[in-house]
């Protein structure tokens, strides 16, 4: 995703971001929690229900959140509370099964981003 930040330059010594223009946006996107928090604080990103909205009015780009940052089972994609509960879930629900994800041999993964799809 490429964004052009739009600045309020009424105070030349302290310009502030007052919006963004979306130059290019892919169908799938991973947004970091820092990106979401900064955009929300600057007023050009809205997080509501299961959506992330970037920009304002008719120029806004909307993404549906598929997965929030956290732990997920590689077998059934279930959201898990933490690493300990992930291990308990794997032992109880998928005993002795090899992980379907070679990068996560324990059978669960932790993501640190919002996994999104463009609406």
Protein backbone atom coordinates (compact mmCIF):
# COMPACT_ATOMS: atom_id res chain seq x y z
CA UNK A 1 0.00 0.00 0.00
CA UNK A 2 1.24 3.46 -0.87
CA UNK A 3 -0.11 6.47 1.00
CA UNK A 4 0.53 10.14 0.46
CA UNK A 5 0.28 12.04 3.72
CA UNK A 6 -1.53 15.37 3.54
CA UNK A 7 -0.28 18.06 5.92
CA UNK A 8 -1.82 21.07 7.59
CA UNK A 9 0.90 23.68 7.14
CA UNK A 10 -0.83 26.58 8.90
CA UNK A 11 2.01 26.47 11.44
CA UNK A 12 5.19 26.14 9.30
CA UNK A 13 7.29 25.12 12.30
CA UNK A 14 4.94 22.29 13.26
CA UNK A 15 3.13 20.75 10.24
CA UNK A 16 0.59 18.09 11.21
CA UNK A 17 -0.81 15.19 9.21
CA UNK A 18 -4.50 15.86 8.63
CA UNK A 19 -5.27 13.08 6.15
CA UNK A 20 -3.95 10.69 3.54
CA UNK A 21 -4.47 9.95 -0.12
CA UNK A 22 -4.37 6.27 -1.04
CA UNK A 23 -2.18 5.98 -4.15
CA UNK A 24 -2.17 2.19 -4.39
CA UNK A 25 -3.91 -0.48 -2.35
CA UNK A 26 -3.62 -4.24 -2.74
CA UNK A 27 -6.43 -6.77 -2.31
CA UNK A 28 -4.81 -8.34 0.76
CA UNK A 29 -3.00 -6.29 3.34
CA UNK A 30 -1.20 -6.80 6.66
CA UNK A 31 -1.45 -3.72 8.89
CA UNK A 32 0.75 -3.52 11.98
CA UNK A 33 -0.82 -2.43 15.29
CA UNK A 34 1.49 0.61 15.24
CA UNK A 35 0.22 1.65 11.76
CA UNK A 36 -3.41 1.32 12.91
CA UNK A 37 -2.80 3.22 16.17
CA UNK A 38 -0.89 6.04 14.46
CA UNK A 39 -3.50 6.40 11.69
CA UNK A 40 -6.30 6.47 14.24
CA UNK A 41 -4.47 9.06 16.38
CA UNK A 42 -3.87 11.27 13.32
CA UNK A 43 -7.52 10.94 12.28
CA UNK A 44 -7.14 9.34 8.84
CA UNK A 45 -7.88 5.74 9.87
CA UNK A 46 -11.07 4.40 11.43
CA UNK A 47 -11.34 1.01 13.12
CA UNK A 48 -14.96 -0.10 13.52
CA UNK A 49 -16.59 -3.49 13.94
CA UNK A 50 -14.55 -5.74 11.62
CA UNK A 51 -13.38 -2.97 9.26
CA UNK A 52 -10.38 -0.70 8.81
CA UNK A 53 -11.24 2.43 6.81
CA UNK A 54 -8.35 4.50 5.44
CA UNK A 55 -9.06 8.02 4.23
CA UNK A 56 -12.32 9.93 4.25
CA UNK A 57 -15.50 10.31 2.20
CA UNK A 58 -15.58 8.89 -1.33
CA UNK A 59 -11.80 8.40 -1.45
CA UNK A 60 -11.81 6.02 1.53
CA UNK A 61 -10.50 2.48 1.11
CA UNK A 62 -12.12 -0.19 3.30
CA UNK A 63 -10.58 -3.46 4.45
CA UNK A 64 -12.37 -6.30 6.24
CA UNK A 65 -10.34 -7.77 9.11
CA UNK A 66 -9.94 -11.54 8.71
CA UNK A 67 -7.62 -12.03 11.69
CA UNK A 68 -6.54 -9.73 14.51
CA UNK A 69 -3.06 -9.87 16.05
CA UNK A 70 -2.81 -12.95 18.26
CA UNK A 71 -2.49 -16.75 18.31
CA UNK A 72 -4.18 -19.09 15.80
CA UNK A 73 -4.37 -22.84 15.31
CA UNK A 74 -2.78 -23.96 12.01
CA UNK A 75 -5.12 -26.96 11.84
CA UNK A 76 -8.55 -25.32 12.32
CA UNK A 77 -7.70 -21.54 12.25
CA UNK A 78 -9.31 -21.06 15.67
CA UNK A 79 -8.31 -17.95 17.60
CA UNK A 80 -6.42 -18.80 20.81
CA UNK A 81 -5.67 -16.76 23.94
CA UNK A 82 -1.92 -17.30 24.30
CA UNK A 83 0.89 -19.77 23.75
CA UNK A 84 -0.07 -21.93 26.72
CA UNK A 85 -3.69 -22.28 25.67
CA UNK A 86 -2.49 -22.91 22.10
CA UNK A 87 -0.43 -25.91 23.26
CA UNK A 88 -3.39 -27.23 25.30
CA UNK A 89 -5.69 -26.82 22.27
CA UNK A 90 -3.27 -28.67 19.98
CA UNK A 91 -2.90 -31.56 22.45
CA UNK A 92 -6.68 -31.83 23.00
CA UNK A 93 -8.06 -31.22 19.50
CA UNK A 94 -5.27 -32.33 17.15
CA UNK A 95 -3.20 -34.93 19.04
CA UNK A 96 -0.23 -36.44 17.20
CA UNK A 97 -1.10 -34.60 13.98
CA UNK A 98 1.73 -32.99 12.06
CA UNK A 99 1.34 -29.25 11.62
CA UNK A 100 -0.02 -28.28 8.18
CA UNK A 101 2.30 -25.26 8.26
CA UNK A 102 6.00 -26.11 7.96
CA UNK A 103 6.95 -22.66 9.31
CA UNK A 104 4.97 -23.34 12.50
CA UNK A 105 5.80 -26.93 13.49
CA UNK A 106 4.09 -26.59 16.90
CA UNK A 107 0.71 -26.42 15.12
CA UNK A 108 -0.10 -22.83 16.03
CA UNK A 109 1.10 -19.41 14.94
CA UNK A 110 1.29 -15.95 16.43
CA UNK A 111 0.69 -13.01 14.12
CA UNK A 112 1.50 -9.40 14.93
CA UNK A 113 -0.66 -7.74 12.28
CA UNK A 114 -4.22 -7.27 11.13
CA UNK A 115 -4.79 -9.71 8.25
CA UNK A 116 -7.20 -7.85 5.94
CA UNK A 117 -9.01 -8.15 2.59
CA UNK A 118 -10.08 -5.14 0.54
CA UNK A 119 -13.86 -4.64 0.31
